[in-house]
C-alpha atoms as a PDB file:
ATOM      1  CA  MET A   1       3.132  18.957   2.750  1.00  0.00           C
ATOM      2  CA  TRP A   2       1.010  21.948   1.855  1.00  0.00           C
ATOM      3  CA  PRO A   3      -0.787  22.035  -1.498  1.00  0.00           C
ATOM      4  CA  THR A   4       1.062  24.097  -4.081  1.00  0.00           C
ATOM      5  CA  ARG A   5      -1.098  23.806  -7.194  1.00  0.00           C
ATOM      6  CA  PRO A   6      -4.602  25.185  -7.732  1.00  0.00           C
ATOM      7  CA  GLY A   7      -7.176  22.540  -6.939  1.00  0.00           C
ATOM      8  CA  GLU A   8      -4.745  20.449  -4.886  1.00  0.00           C
ATOM      9  CA  ALA A   9      -6.248  21.685  -1.610  1.00  0.00           C
ATOM     10  CA  VAL A  10      -9.705  20.730  -2.878  1.00  0.00           C
ATOM     11  CA  GLY A  11      -8.438  17.240  -3.710  1.00  0.00           C
ATOM     12  CA  HIS A  12      -6.963  16.841  -0.226  1.00  0.00           C
ATOM     13  CA  LEU A  13     -10.162  18.086   1.392  1.00  0.00           C
ATOM     14  CA  ARG A  14     -12.208  15.703  -0.761  1.00  0.00           C
ATOM     15  CA  ALA A  15     -10.026  12.784   0.350  1.00  0.00           C
ATOM     16  CA  VAL A  16     -10.399  13.730   4.023  1.00  0.00           C
ATOM     17  CA  VAL A  17     -14.181  13.990   3.660  1.00  0.00           C
ATOM     18  CA  LEU A  18     -14.369  10.632   1.849  1.00  0.00           C
ATOM     19  CA  VAL A  19     -12.239   8.912   4.501  1.00  0.00           C
ATOM     20  CA  ALA A  20     -14.442  10.357   7.257  1.00  0.00           C
ATOM     21  CA  LEU A  21     -17.596   9.321   5.414  1.00  0.00           C
ATOM     22  CA  GLY A  22     -16.230   5.833   4.735  1.00  0.00           C
ATOM     23  CA  SER A  23     -15.144   5.237   8.321  1.00  0.00           C
ATOM     24  CA  ALA A  24     -18.553   6.455   9.538  1.00  0.00           C
ATOM     25  CA  LEU A  25     -20.239   3.991   7.165  1.00  0.00           C
ATOM     26  CA  MET A  26     -17.971   1.251   8.526  1.00  0.00           C
ATOM     27  CA  ALA A  27     -19.000   2.094  12.089  1.00  0.00           C
ATOM     28  CA  LEU A  28     -22.684   2.048  11.134  1.00  0.00           C
ATOM     29  CA  SER A  29     -22.312  -1.239   9.255  1.00  0.00           C
ATOM     30  CA  ALA A  30     -20.691  -2.785  12.349  1.00  0.00           C
ATOM     31  CA  LYS A  31     -23.778  -1.965  14.387  1.00  0.00           C
ATOM     32  CA  VAL A  32     -26.012  -3.983  12.042  1.00  0.00           C
ATOM     33  CA  ASN A  33     -24.970  -7.372  13.315  1.00  0.00           C
ATOM     34  CA  LEU A  34     -26.117 -10.836  14.146  1.00  0.00           C
ATOM     35  CA  PRO A  35     -24.179 -12.011  17.207  1.00  0.00           C
ATOM     36  CA  LEU A  36     -22.585 -15.428  16.721  1.00  0.00           C
ATOM     37  CA  PRO A  37     -20.351 -17.279  19.216  1.00  0.00           C
ATOM     38  CA  TYR A  38     -16.958 -16.050  17.965  1.00  0.00           C
ATOM     39  CA  VAL A  39     -17.442 -13.583  15.122  1.00  0.00           C
ATOM     40  CA  PRO A  40     -20.604 -11.525  14.586  1.00  0.00           C
ATOM     41  CA  MET A  41     -22.162 -11.333  11.129  1.00  0.00           C
ATOM     42  CA  THR A  42     -22.234  -7.676  10.066  1.00  0.00           C
ATOM     43  CA  LEU A  43     -22.616  -5.568   6.934  1.00  0.00           C
ATOM     44  CA  GLN A  44     -18.989  -4.468   7.215  1.00  0.00           C
ATOM     45  CA  SER A  45     -17.609  -6.641   4.426  1.00  0.00           C
ATOM     46  CA  LEU A  46     -20.186  -5.181   2.023  1.00  0.00           C
ATOM     47  CA  VAL A  47     -19.139  -1.649   2.968  1.00  0.00           C
ATOM     48  CA  VAL A  48     -15.409  -2.494   2.826  1.00  0.00           C
ATOM     49  CA  LEU A  49     -15.720  -3.854  -0.701  1.00  0.00           C
ATOM     50  CA  MET A  50     -17.912  -1.009  -1.920  1.00  0.00           C
ATOM     51  CA  ILE A  51     -15.486   1.546  -0.472  1.00  0.00           C
ATOM     52  CA  GLY A  52     -12.592  -0.239  -2.169  1.00  0.00           C
ATOM     53  CA  ALA A  53     -14.425  -0.292  -5.508  1.00  0.00           C
ATOM     54  CA  ALA A  54     -15.664   3.304  -5.249  1.00  0.00           C
ATOM     55  CA  TYR A  55     -12.544   4.911  -3.737  1.00  0.00           C
ATOM     56  CA  GLY A  56      -9.798   2.881  -5.395  1.00  0.00           C
ATOM     57  CA  TRP A  57      -6.983   1.053  -3.641  1.00  0.00           C
ATOM     58  CA  ARG A  58      -5.191   4.046  -2.098  1.00  0.00           C
ATOM     59  CA  LEU A  59      -8.118   5.878  -0.557  1.00  0.00           C
ATOM     60  CA  GLY A  60     -10.015   2.647   0.163  1.00  0.00           C
ATOM     61  CA  SER A  61      -7.220   1.130   2.210  1.00  0.00           C
ATOM     62  CA  ALA A  62      -6.496   4.495   3.858  1.00  0.00           C
ATOM     63  CA  THR A  63     -10.148   4.602   4.919  1.00  0.00           C
ATOM     64  CA  MET A  64      -9.892   1.149   6.499  1.00  0.00           C
ATOM     65  CA  ILE A  65      -6.700   2.141   8.317  1.00  0.00           C
ATOM     66  CA  ALA A  66      -8.468   5.258   9.626  1.00  0.00           C
ATOM     67  CA  TYR A  67     -11.382   3.095  10.778  1.00  0.00           C
ATOM     68  CA  LEU A  68      -9.062   0.734  12.668  1.00  0.00           C
ATOM     69  CA  ALA A  69      -7.207   3.702  14.186  1.00  0.00           C
ATOM     70  CA  GLU A  70     -10.494   5.194  15.395  1.00  0.00           C
ATOM     71  CA  GLY A  71     -11.341   1.903  17.062  1.00  0.00           C
ATOM     72  CA  ALA A  72      -7.858   1.567  18.562  1.00  0.00           C
ATOM     73  CA  MET A  73      -8.279   5.034  20.093  1.00  0.00           C
ATOM     74  CA  GLY A  74     -11.350   3.775  21.906  1.00  0.00           C
ATOM     75  CA  LEU A  75     -14.149   5.035  19.703  1.00  0.00           C
ATOM     76  CA  PRO A  76     -16.983   2.471  19.702  1.00  0.00           C
ATOM     77  CA  VAL A  77     -16.809   1.756  15.972  1.00  0.00           C
ATOM     78  CA  PHE A  78     -16.517  -2.037  16.021  1.00  0.00           C
ATOM     79  CA  ALA A  79     -19.390  -4.559  16.229  1.00  0.00           C
ATOM     80  CA  GLY A  80     -21.322  -4.017  19.432  1.00  0.00           C
ATOM     81  CA  PRO A  81     -20.565  -0.971  21.570  1.00  0.00           C
ATOM     82  CA  VAL A  82     -16.861  -1.756  21.320  1.00  0.00           C
ATOM     83  CA  GLY A  83     -13.713   0.251  20.810  1.00  0.00           C
ATOM     84  CA  GLY A  84     -10.182  -0.059  22.080  1.00  0.00           C
ATOM     85  CA  LEU A  85      -7.439  -2.562  21.441  1.00  0.00           C
ATOM     86  CA  ALA A  86      -9.296  -5.748  22.462  1.00  0.00           C
ATOM     87  CA  PRO A  87     -11.014  -6.277  19.067  1.00  0.00           C
ATOM     88  CA  LEU A  88      -7.663  -5.732  17.335  1.00  0.00           C
ATOM     89  CA  VAL A  89      -6.127  -8.682  19.182  1.00  0.00           C
ATOM     90  CA  GLY A  90      -9.254 -10.789  19.872  1.00  0.00           C
ATOM     91  CA  PRO A  91     -11.151 -13.285  17.696  1.00  0.00           C
ATOM     92  CA  THR A  92     -12.175 -10.649  15.115  1.00  0.00           C
ATOM     93  CA  ALA A  93      -8.681  -9.202  14.617  1.00  0.00           C
ATOM     94  CA  GLY A  94      -7.915 -11.160  11.450  1.00  0.00           C
ATOM     95  CA  TYR A  95     -11.099  -9.928   9.814  1.00  0.00           C
ATOM     96  CA  LEU A  96     -10.439  -6.328  10.843  1.00  0.00           C
ATOM     97  CA  TYR A  97      -6.945  -6.362   9.363  1.00  0.00           C
ATOM     98  CA  GLY A  98      -8.328  -8.215   6.366  1.00  0.00           C
ATOM     99  CA  PHE A  99     -10.555  -5.196   5.700  1.00  0.00           C
ATOM    100  CA  VAL A 100      -7.480  -3.138   4.805  1.00  0.00           C
ATOM    101  CA  ALA A 101      -6.182  -5.788   2.408  1.00  0.00           C
ATOM    102  CA  ALA A 102      -9.645  -6.377   0.913  1.00  0.00           C
ATOM    103  CA  ALA A 103     -10.192  -2.657   0.233  1.00  0.00           C
ATOM    104  CA  PHE A 104      -6.746  -2.580  -1.355  1.00  0.00           C
ATOM    105  CA  VAL A 105      -7.360  -5.608  -3.604  1.00  0.00           C
ATOM    106  CA  THR A 106     -10.930  -4.677  -4.564  1.00  0.00           C
ATOM    107  CA  GLY A 107      -9.881  -1.093  -5.247  1.00  0.00           C
ATOM    108  CA  TRP A 108      -6.915  -2.236  -7.321  1.00  0.00           C
ATOM    109  CA  LEU A 109      -9.141  -4.513  -9.407  1.00  0.00           C
ATOM    110  CA  ALA A 110     -11.772  -1.783  -9.795  1.00  0.00           C
ATOM    111  CA  GLU A 111      -9.139   0.655 -11.046  1.00  0.00           C
ATOM    112  CA  ARG A 112      -8.314  -1.888 -13.742  1.00  0.00           C
ATOM    113  CA  GLY A 113     -11.875  -1.978 -15.033  1.00  0.00           C
ATOM    114  CA  TRP A 114     -13.393  -4.704 -12.870  1.00  0.00           C
ATOM    115  CA  ASP A 115     -16.014  -2.218 -11.662  1.00  0.00           C
ATOM    116  CA  ARG A 116     -17.440  -1.574 -15.127  1.00  0.00           C
ATOM    117  CA  SER A 117     -19.587  -4.687 -15.313  1.00  0.00           C
ATOM    118  CA  VAL A 118     -21.726  -6.331 -12.650  1.00  0.00           C
ATOM    119  CA  VAL A 119     -20.170  -9.743 -13.315  1.00  0.00           C
ATOM    120  CA  LEU A 120     -16.574  -8.521 -13.030  1.00  0.00           C
ATOM    121  CA  LEU A 121     -17.389  -6.442  -9.954  1.00  0.00           C
ATOM    122  CA  PHE A 122     -19.053  -9.466  -8.353  1.00  0.00           C
ATOM    123  CA  ALA A 123     -15.805 -11.375  -9.017  1.00  0.00           C
ATOM    124  CA  ALA A 124     -13.656  -8.536  -7.612  1.00  0.00           C
ATOM    125  CA  MET A 125     -15.799  -8.454  -4.481  1.00  0.00           C
ATOM    126  CA  ALA A 126     -15.549 -12.237  -4.204  1.00  0.00           C
ATOM    127  CA  VAL A 127     -11.766 -11.908  -4.254  1.00  0.00           C
ATOM    128  CA  GLY A 128     -12.102  -9.234  -1.546  1.00  0.00           C
ATOM    129  CA  HIS A 129     -14.234 -11.550   0.559  1.00  0.00           C
ATOM    130  CA  VAL A 130     -11.653 -14.320   0.169  1.00  0.00           C
ATOM    131  CA  VAL A 131      -8.987 -11.909   1.424  1.00  0.00           C
ATOM    132  CA  ILE A 132     -11.125 -11.083   4.487  1.00  0.00           C
ATOM    133  CA  PHE A 133     -11.792 -14.784   5.115  1.00  0.00           C
ATOM    134  CA  VAL A 134      -8.103 -15.678   4.813  1.00  0.00           C
ATOM    135  CA  GLY A 135      -7.208 -13.069   7.438  1.00  0.00           C
ATOM    136  CA  GLY A 136     -10.040 -14.063   9.754  1.00  0.00           C
ATOM    137  CA  PHE A 137      -9.550 -17.794   9.310  1.00  0.00           C
ATOM    138  CA  GLY A 138      -5.792 -17.572   9.792  1.00  0.00           C
ATOM    139  CA  TRP A 139      -6.121 -15.588  13.004  1.00  0.00           C
ATOM    140  CA  LEU A 140      -8.851 -17.838  14.416  1.00  0.00           C
ATOM    141  CA  ALA A 141      -6.939 -20.986  13.438  1.00  0.00           C
ATOM    142  CA  LEU A 142      -4.004 -19.892  15.574  1.00  0.00           C
ATOM    143  CA  GLY A 143      -6.172 -20.089  18.678  1.00  0.00           C
ATOM    144  CA  LEU A 144      -8.891 -22.574  17.756  1.00  0.00           C
ATOM    145  CA  GLY A 145      -7.327 -24.891  15.213  1.00  0.00           C
ATOM    146  CA  ALA A 146      -8.189 -25.030  11.519  1.00  0.00           C
ATOM    147  CA  ALA A 147     -11.328 -27.173  11.738  1.00  0.00           C
ATOM    148  CA  LYS A 148     -12.992 -25.043  14.424  1.00  0.00           C
ATOM    149  CA  ALA A 149     -11.873 -21.803  12.714  1.00  0.00           C
ATOM    150  CA  TRP A 150     -13.522 -22.960   9.478  1.00  0.00           C
ATOM    151  CA  GLN A 151     -16.666 -24.015  11.338  1.00  0.00           C
ATOM    152  CA  VAL A 152     -17.167 -20.731  13.225  1.00  0.00           C
ATOM    153  CA  GLY A 153     -15.260 -18.219  11.120  1.00  0.00           C
ATOM    154  CA  VAL A 154     -15.879 -19.042   7.470  1.00  0.00           C
ATOM    155  CA  ALA A 155     -18.661 -21.549   6.807  1.00  0.00           C
ATOM    156  CA  PRO A 156     -21.486 -19.508   8.407  1.00  0.00           C
ATOM    157  CA  PHE A 157     -20.548 -16.480   6.283  1.00  0.00           C
ATOM    158  CA  ILE A 158     -20.257 -17.929   2.771  1.00  0.00           C
ATOM    159  CA  ALA A 159     -23.920 -17.607   1.731  1.00  0.00           C
ATOM    160  CA  ALA A 160     -24.175 -14.090   3.177  1.00  0.00           C
ATOM    161  CA  SER A 161     -20.998 -13.103   1.331  1.00  0.00           C
ATOM    162  CA  LEU A 162     -22.502 -14.167  -1.989  1.00  0.00           C
ATOM    163  CA  VAL A 163     -25.583 -12.053  -1.249  1.00  0.00           C
ATOM    164  CA  LYS A 164     -23.374  -9.104  -0.237  1.00  0.00           C
ATOM    165  CA  ASN A 165     -21.355  -9.471  -3.463  1.00  0.00           C
ATOM    166  CA  ALA A 166     -24.530  -9.375  -5.548  1.00  0.00           C
ATOM    167  CA  LEU A 167     -25.894  -6.410  -3.599  1.00  0.00           C
ATOM    168  CA  GLY A 168     -22.603  -4.534  -3.808  1.00  0.00           C
ATOM    169  CA  ALA A 169     -22.210  -5.154  -7.536  1.00  0.00           C
ATOM    170  CA  ALA A 170     -25.785  -3.991  -8.137  1.00  0.00           C
ATOM    171  CA  LEU A 171     -25.385  -0.851  -5.976  1.00  0.00           C
ATOM    172  CA  MET A 172     -22.043   0.288  -7.389  1.00  0.00           C
ATOM    173  CA  PRO A 173     -23.396   2.274 -10.357  1.00  0.00           C
ATOM    174  CA  ALA A 174     -25.317   4.474  -7.887  1.00  0.00           C
ATOM    175  CA  ALA A 175     -22.317   4.698  -5.538  1.00  0.00           C
ATOM    176  CA  ARG A 176     -20.083   5.628  -8.464  1.00  0.00           C
ATOM    177  CA  ARG A 177     -22.376   8.526  -9.332  1.00  0.00           C
ATOM    178  CA  ILE A 178     -22.196   9.779  -5.736  1.00  0.00           C
ATOM    179  CA  VAL A 179     -18.427   9.373  -5.287  1.00  0.00           C
ATOM    180  CA  ASP A 180     -16.395   9.140  -8.462  1.00  0.00           C
ATOM    181  CA  ARG A 181     -12.826   8.208  -7.506  1.00  0.00           C
ATOM    182  CA  ARG A 182     -11.569   9.600 -10.791  1.00  0.00           C
ATOM    183  CA  GLY A 183     -12.793  13.140 -10.046  1.00  0.00           C
END
C-alpha cells in the first residue's frame, strides 16, 4: 500500500533502512564465531536482543525474518561462509528461528519500559536468551536426545549469555540514541 499521509513515506523508508542495517549486523555478528562441535558460539544473540530492544517487537522480529530470508536465498549470512536452506533445517535451525521469537519478546518487553533501566533490560535480554535456548535445545533434542542437546547446545553458552546480557544492557543507551524506535 502506498503512503498517503505526509511523513508516512519517510517512516517506511526508515523501517527499510533499519531492517537492512539490522540484518547486516546479524550477518557480521555470525562471522565472529568460535566453532564448536554442533553449534558455533557467535555474537548473534547479543545483536538479536539489542535489535529487539532498540527496534521494538514489530521491526525487531521483521528484521530477523529478513535475515533468515536472506540466508534461505543463499546469501552467506549465517555462521561460517554459509547460506541456503541447510542451516534452516540443520543443528542450528532452532536457534535461528528462536532469533525471531527472541527479538519479538525482547522488543515487546522493551516497549513496556524494560529498556529504561540496566537491570530490567538485563532481565529482558535474559528472557530473550531463554527463548533462543528453548528453540535451539528443542530442535537439537529431537535429533540428539535431551541430555546431549543440553550438553552441546545450552550449557556451553550460559556464561557467555550472561556476559552478552550485561554488555547489551550497558550498550543500549548509546544504541537508543542512534536508533530511537519511537521516532
